[in-house]
Amino acid sequence: MDLRVFTEPQQGASYDTLLSVARAAEELGYDAFFRSDHYLRMGDGDPSPGPTDAWITLAGLARETKRIRLGTLMTAATFRLPGVLAIQVAQVDAMSGGRVELGLGAGWFEEEHTAYGIPFPKEKFDRLEEQLAIVTGLWETPVGKTYDFAGTHYTLKDSPALPKPVRSPRPPVLIGGHGRKRTPALAARYADEFNVPFASTADSERIFGWVREAMAAQERPADSMVFSNALVACVGRDDAEVARRAAAIGREPAELRENGLAGSPAEVVEKIGRYAALGSTRIYLQVLDLSDLDHLELIASEVMPQLG
């Protein structure tokens, strides 16, 4: 079971804060540092210091880390043109020596689009489908060949399909969500990993099943997909420490125990085991208090060694 650190910088974090977390994650043995791709705080609270751009952040971290993988859960297709996104991700992949992964979603948070003048189209899912085809198509086009695409929303003609990412033919692509039909079908066609965010074991089992059915329909090998979960983390050596960490993120311990990975290291290991039994091999730990690096150390020292 891989453990990855997943941050939500739109809730209030500078690049320097993210760098501190990424370096700690690398030193402590986590598999990856991921971040959300949002431009507006969700919920009440101080919005300062303001948003940071996901791929600019990851470009900086690519040069200031050495081992951990870097990526997004999820880049919004509404934020970038697909050709530009393919260039950006390939460049950051080169800057990191081939450690980048791209999570790509349709985009959903209308208020952040309004706040920063970003168009919020009605046909978000159709655009996502075309973006996935274009980004992967550009990366997979052989060097020396050109790439063309004629879609409803995007048209590319005689693209040199450069630069190429380090990993051949492309970096891993992540798709996720709770959808019944279109999302599993897209994942079966384009994704290397399917992520179910903030869901119970029962819901995860059902959604994983939909993806496996879509893979079978496309005659894709069952073992060619990584299945993962994203869950909020709130771990403490005792109840008082759990309560302190829950209060710091404005949540209740009981709710976090039910909906996330909360409690003692033993409780968290047991719950991770339940997700592993469904076929999940990777957990993204949503870490909301980015100043609490001791939290990361506790999980690394008392949870990670028990996961095999």
Protein backbone atom coordinates (compact mmCIF):
# COMPACT_ATOMS: atom_id res chain seq x y z
CA MET A 1 0.00 0.00 0.00
CA ASP A 2 1.52 3.30 -1.11
CA LEU A 3 0.87 6.33 1.06
CA ARG A 4 0.84 9.69 -0.68
CA VAL A 5 0.49 13.19 0.77
CA PHE A 6 -2.38 15.16 -0.74
CA THR A 7 -2.67 18.89 -0.01
CA GLU A 8 -5.39 21.50 -0.55
CA PRO A 9 -3.40 24.75 -0.94
CA GLN A 10 -6.44 26.85 -1.89
CA GLN A 11 -7.39 26.68 1.77
CA GLY A 12 -4.37 28.85 2.58
CA ALA A 13 -0.77 27.96 1.76
CA SER A 14 2.21 29.65 0.17
CA TYR A 15 4.74 27.95 -2.07
CA ASP A 16 7.21 27.90 0.82
CA THR A 17 4.70 26.03 2.98
CA LEU A 18 4.12 23.48 0.23
CA LEU A 19 7.87 23.07 -0.22
CA SER A 20 8.25 22.31 3.49
CA VAL A 21 5.54 19.64 3.29
CA ALA A 22 6.96 18.12 0.10
CA ARG A 23 10.46 17.93 1.56
CA ALA A 24 9.13 16.36 4.75
CA ALA A 25 7.13 13.85 2.72
CA GLU A 26 10.25 12.91 0.77
CA GLU A 27 12.42 12.56 3.87
CA LEU A 28 9.80 10.49 5.68
CA GLY A 29 9.41 7.95 2.90
CA TYR A 30 6.04 8.86 1.40
CA ASP A 31 5.52 7.79 -2.19
CA ALA A 32 4.36 11.13 -3.60
CA PHE A 33 3.29 14.70 -3.01
CA PHE A 34 0.06 15.69 -4.73
CA ARG A 35 -1.97 18.85 -4.63
CA SER A 36 -5.42 19.99 -5.66
CA ASP A 37 -5.86 22.41 -8.57
CA HIS A 38 -8.12 25.19 -7.33
CA TYR A 39 -8.01 28.98 -7.35
CA LEU A 40 -10.48 29.79 -4.56
CA ARG A 41 -10.85 28.82 -0.92
CA MET A 42 -13.80 26.59 -0.10
CA GLY A 43 -15.87 27.51 2.93
CA ASP A 44 -15.39 30.28 5.44
CA GLY A 45 -12.05 31.55 6.64
CA ASP A 46 -9.16 33.78 5.70
CA PRO A 47 -8.32 33.32 1.98
CA SER A 48 -4.77 34.64 2.36
CA PRO A 49 -2.12 34.27 1.09
CA GLY A 50 -4.20 33.52 -1.98
CA PRO A 51 -4.10 30.76 -4.57
CA THR A 52 -1.05 29.10 -6.04
CA ASP A 53 -1.04 27.54 -9.48
CA ALA A 54 -0.73 23.76 -9.41
CA TRP A 55 1.70 23.30 -12.27
CA ILE A 56 3.88 26.28 -11.36
CA THR A 57 4.08 24.82 -7.85
CA LEU A 58 4.98 21.37 -9.16
CA ALA A 59 7.62 22.85 -11.47
CA GLY A 60 9.31 24.42 -8.46
CA LEU A 61 9.05 21.24 -6.42
CA ALA A 62 10.44 19.25 -9.35
CA ARG A 63 13.73 21.10 -8.91
CA GLU A 64 13.73 21.00 -5.11
CA THR A 65 12.95 17.32 -4.53
CA LYS A 66 14.73 14.21 -5.76
CA ARG A 67 12.61 11.08 -5.25
CA ILE A 68 8.92 11.57 -4.61
CA ARG A 69 6.42 11.56 -7.42
CA LEU A 70 4.50 14.78 -8.07
CA GLY A 71 0.99 15.29 -9.39
CA THR A 72 -2.51 16.71 -9.23
CA LEU A 73 -5.83 15.48 -7.88
CA MET A 74 -7.27 16.79 -10.14
CA THR A 75 -6.27 19.41 -12.71
CA ALA A 76 -9.46 20.99 -14.04
CA ALA A 77 -9.93 20.68 -17.80
CA THR A 78 -11.60 24.10 -17.72
CA PHE A 79 -8.36 25.79 -16.64
CA ARG A 80 -6.09 25.00 -19.57
CA LEU A 81 -6.13 24.29 -23.27
CA PRO A 82 -5.16 20.65 -23.81
CA GLY A 83 -2.18 21.39 -26.05
CA VAL A 84 -0.79 23.83 -23.51
CA LEU A 85 -1.41 21.37 -20.68
CA ALA A 86 0.47 18.63 -22.56
CA ILE A 87 3.46 20.98 -22.91
CA GLN A 88 3.33 22.08 -19.26
CA VAL A 89 3.16 18.57 -17.85
CA ALA A 90 5.87 17.26 -20.18
CA GLN A 91 8.13 20.13 -19.16
CA VAL A 92 7.59 19.57 -15.45
CA ASP A 93 8.16 15.86 -16.03
CA ALA A 94 11.54 16.70 -17.58
CA MET A 95 12.35 19.08 -14.74
CA SER A 96 11.67 16.29 -12.24
CA GLY A 97 13.50 13.55 -14.12
CA GLY A 98 10.30 11.67 -14.93
CA ARG A 99 8.40 11.86 -11.62
CA VAL A 100 5.17 13.52 -12.74
CA GLU A 101 1.63 12.12 -12.86
CA LEU A 102 -1.40 13.93 -14.28
CA GLY A 103 -4.78 13.75 -12.62
CA LEU A 104 -7.34 15.33 -14.95
CA GLY A 105 -10.99 16.07 -14.19
CA ALA A 106 -13.83 18.03 -15.73
CA GLY A 107 -13.80 20.93 -13.26
CA TRP A 108 -16.78 21.70 -11.05
CA PHE A 109 -16.26 24.73 -8.77
CA GLU A 110 -18.10 27.50 -10.61
CA GLU A 111 -17.28 30.23 -8.09
CA GLU A 112 -13.53 30.01 -8.70
CA HIS A 113 -14.13 30.43 -12.41
CA THR A 114 -16.24 33.51 -11.78
CA ALA A 115 -13.69 34.96 -9.36
CA TYR A 116 -10.83 34.80 -11.87
CA GLY A 117 -12.60 35.22 -15.21
CA ILE A 118 -12.28 31.61 -16.32
CA PRO A 119 -15.04 30.38 -18.65
CA PHE A 120 -17.26 27.72 -17.09
CA PRO A 121 -18.79 25.82 -20.02
CA LYS A 122 -21.88 23.67 -19.82
CA GLU A 123 -20.29 20.78 -21.75
CA LYS A 124 -17.56 20.10 -19.22
CA PHE A 125 -17.50 16.32 -19.54
CA ASP A 126 -17.37 16.37 -23.35
CA ARG A 127 -14.44 18.77 -23.12
CA LEU A 128 -12.70 16.50 -20.64
CA GLU A 129 -13.04 13.56 -23.02
CA GLU A 130 -11.44 15.55 -25.84
CA GLN A 131 -8.69 16.81 -23.53
CA LEU A 132 -7.78 13.28 -22.51
CA ALA A 133 -7.61 12.21 -26.14
CA ILE A 134 -5.45 15.20 -27.08
CA VAL A 135 -3.01 15.15 -24.17
CA THR A 136 -2.36 11.42 -24.42
CA GLY A 137 -2.36 11.59 -28.22
CA LEU A 138 0.29 14.31 -28.28
CA TRP A 139 2.53 12.42 -25.87
CA GLU A 140 2.15 9.11 -27.68
CA THR A 141 2.80 10.48 -31.19
CA PRO A 142 6.19 9.15 -32.39
CA VAL A 143 8.99 11.69 -32.64
CA GLY A 144 9.14 13.05 -36.16
CA LYS A 145 5.41 12.51 -36.75
CA THR A 146 2.66 15.10 -36.44
CA TYR A 147 -0.65 14.93 -34.58
CA ASP A 148 -4.08 16.02 -35.76
CA PHE A 149 -7.37 16.14 -33.88
CA ALA A 150 -10.77 17.33 -35.05
CA GLY A 151 -13.29 17.51 -32.22
CA THR A 152 -16.32 19.51 -31.24
CA HIS A 153 -14.40 21.73 -28.84
CA TYR A 154 -10.75 21.50 -29.94
CA THR A 155 -8.97 21.20 -33.28
CA LEU A 156 -5.25 20.53 -33.74
CA LYS A 157 -3.52 20.35 -37.13
CA ASP A 158 0.07 19.39 -37.95
CA SER A 159 1.19 19.59 -34.32
CA PRO A 160 4.82 18.49 -33.87
CA ALA A 161 3.59 16.91 -30.60
CA LEU A 162 6.56 18.20 -28.64
CA PRO A 163 8.03 18.21 -26.06
CA LYS A 164 7.91 14.59 -25.03
CA PRO A 165 7.70 13.58 -21.36
CA VAL A 166 10.56 11.59 -19.87
CA ARG A 167 8.52 8.45 -19.27
CA SER A 168 7.70 6.65 -22.51
CA PRO A 169 5.17 6.78 -23.95
CA ARG A 170 3.67 9.10 -21.32
CA PRO A 171 3.33 9.84 -17.60
CA PRO A 172 0.59 8.03 -15.68
CA VAL A 173 -2.86 9.56 -16.10
CA LEU A 174 -5.33 9.55 -13.20
CA ILE A 175 -9.10 9.79 -13.51
CA GLY A 176 -11.50 9.66 -10.59
CA GLY A 177 -14.94 10.30 -9.26
CA HIS A 178 -18.23 8.64 -8.38
CA GLY A 179 -19.93 8.46 -11.79
CA ARG A 180 -21.70 5.32 -12.96
CA LYS A 181 -21.14 5.24 -16.73
CA ARG A 182 -19.11 7.92 -18.48
CA THR A 183 -16.31 8.23 -15.92
CA PRO A 184 -15.57 4.48 -15.77
CA ALA A 185 -15.61 4.30 -19.56
CA LEU A 186 -13.14 7.19 -19.83
CA ALA A 187 -10.93 5.59 -17.20
CA ALA A 188 -10.93 2.27 -19.02
CA ARG A 189 -9.82 4.04 -22.17
CA TYR A 190 -7.28 6.56 -20.89
CA ALA A 191 -6.35 6.08 -17.22
CA ASP A 192 -3.51 4.26 -15.55
CA GLU A 193 -5.09 4.88 -12.15
CA PHE A 194 -8.64 5.32 -10.92
CA ASN A 195 -9.16 7.30 -7.72
CA VAL A 196 -12.27 7.32 -5.56
CA PRO A 197 -12.23 10.44 -3.36
CA PHE A 198 -13.72 10.59 0.13
CA ALA A 199 -15.90 7.49 -0.08
CA SER A 200 -16.76 4.61 2.23
CA THR A 201 -15.53 1.10 1.61
CA ALA A 202 -19.00 0.12 0.38
CA ASP A 203 -19.13 2.97 -2.12
CA SER A 204 -15.54 2.34 -3.20
CA GLU A 205 -16.26 -1.32 -3.84
CA ARG A 206 -19.25 -0.44 -6.01
CA ILE A 207 -17.34 2.21 -8.01
CA PHE A 208 -14.29 -0.01 -8.50
CA GLY A 209 -16.68 -2.63 -9.84
CA TRP A 210 -18.07 -0.21 -12.42
CA VAL A 211 -14.55 0.55 -13.62
CA ARG A 212 -13.67 -3.14 -13.85
CA GLU A 213 -16.84 -3.73 -15.90
CA ALA A 214 -15.87 -0.89 -18.26
CA MET A 215 -12.38 -2.35 -18.62
CA ALA A 216 -13.80 -5.75 -19.46
CA ALA A 217 -16.10 -4.19 -22.06
CA GLN A 218 -13.05 -2.66 -23.72
CA GLU A 219 -11.10 -5.94 -23.42
CA ARG A 220 -8.54 -4.31 -21.20
CA PRO A 221 -6.61 -6.55 -18.77
CA ALA A 222 -8.02 -6.40 -15.25
CA ASP A 223 -4.58 -5.93 -13.67
CA SER A 224 -3.63 -2.90 -15.81
CA MET A 225 -5.35 -0.32 -13.58
CA VAL A 226 -4.20 1.02 -10.22
CA PHE A 227 -7.12 1.60 -7.85
CA SER A 228 -6.74 4.22 -5.14
CA ASN A 229 -8.62 6.24 -2.53
CA ALA A 230 -8.28 9.75 -1.17
CA LEU A 231 -9.22 10.17 2.51
CA VAL A 232 -8.75 12.90 5.08
CA ALA A 233 -6.12 12.02 7.70
CA CYS A 234 -6.29 12.80 11.42
CA VAL A 235 -4.04 10.47 13.39
CA GLY A 236 -2.98 10.77 17.02
CA ARG A 237 -1.19 8.70 19.63
CA ASP A 238 -4.19 9.11 21.94
CA ASP A 239 -7.69 10.59 21.88
CA ALA A 240 -6.47 13.99 23.06
CA GLU A 241 -4.05 14.26 20.15
CA VAL A 242 -6.74 13.17 17.69
CA ALA A 243 -9.10 15.79 19.14
CA ARG A 244 -6.43 18.50 18.90
CA ARG A 245 -5.75 17.71 15.25
CA ALA A 246 -9.46 17.53 14.44
CA ALA A 247 -10.07 20.93 16.05
CA ALA A 248 -7.22 22.42 14.03
CA ILE A 249 -9.06 21.60 10.80
CA GLY A 250 -12.54 22.41 12.08
CA ARG A 251 -13.81 18.84 12.20
CA GLU A 252 -15.11 16.44 14.85
CA PRO A 253 -13.20 13.26 15.77
CA ALA A 254 -16.27 11.03 15.46
CA GLU A 255 -17.07 12.35 11.98
CA LEU A 256 -13.46 11.94 10.89
CA ARG A 257 -13.37 8.37 12.18
CA GLU A 258 -16.46 7.59 10.14
CA ASN A 259 -15.53 9.39 6.93
CA GLY A 260 -11.73 9.42 6.92
CA LEU A 261 -8.62 7.86 8.38
CA ALA A 262 -8.76 9.06 11.95
CA GLY A 263 -7.86 7.74 15.36
CA SER A 264 -4.85 5.87 16.66
CA PRO A 265 -2.26 4.36 14.31
CA ALA A 266 -3.80 0.94 14.97
CA GLU A 267 -7.28 2.18 14.04
CA VAL A 268 -5.98 3.72 10.84
CA VAL A 269 -4.02 0.62 9.84
CA GLU A 270 -7.14 -1.49 10.34
CA LYS A 271 -9.27 0.81 8.19
CA ILE A 272 -6.64 1.01 5.43
CA GLY A 273 -6.74 -2.79 5.43
CA ARG A 274 -10.43 -2.67 4.59
CA TYR A 275 -9.72 -0.55 1.52
CA ALA A 276 -6.85 -2.83 0.54
CA ALA A 277 -9.22 -5.79 0.62
CA LEU A 278 -11.23 -4.10 -2.16
CA GLY A 279 -8.17 -3.81 -4.41
CA SER A 280 -7.02 -0.32 -3.46
CA THR A 281 -3.22 -0.19 -3.47
CA ARG A 282 -2.69 3.52 -2.91
CA ILE A 283 -4.05 5.99 -0.37
CA TYR A 284 -3.88 9.75 -0.77
CA LEU A 285 -3.82 11.23 2.73
CA GLN A 286 -5.60 14.57 2.61
CA VAL A 287 -3.51 16.66 5.01
CA LEU A 288 -5.32 19.89 5.85
CA ASP A 289 -3.09 21.37 8.58
CA LEU A 290 0.09 21.97 6.60
CA SER A 291 1.92 23.41 9.59
CA ASP A 292 1.69 20.10 11.49
CA LEU A 293 4.67 18.19 10.12
CA ASP A 294 4.67 16.03 13.27
CA HIS A 295 1.45 14.53 11.91
CA LEU A 296 3.30 13.31 8.82
CA GLU A 297 6.09 11.94 11.00
CA LEU A 298 3.66 10.01 13.19
CA ILE A 299 1.98 8.37 10.19
CA ALA A 300 5.35 7.56 8.63
CA SER A 301 6.72 6.00 11.79
CA GLU A 302 3.66 4.18 13.18
CA VAL A 303 1.31 3.53 10.25
CA MET A 304 3.49 3.11 7.19
CA PRO A 305 5.67 0.26 8.55
CA GLN A 306 2.56 -1.84 9.26
CA LEU A 307 1.26 -1.69 5.68
CA GLY A 308 3.86 -3.96 4.11
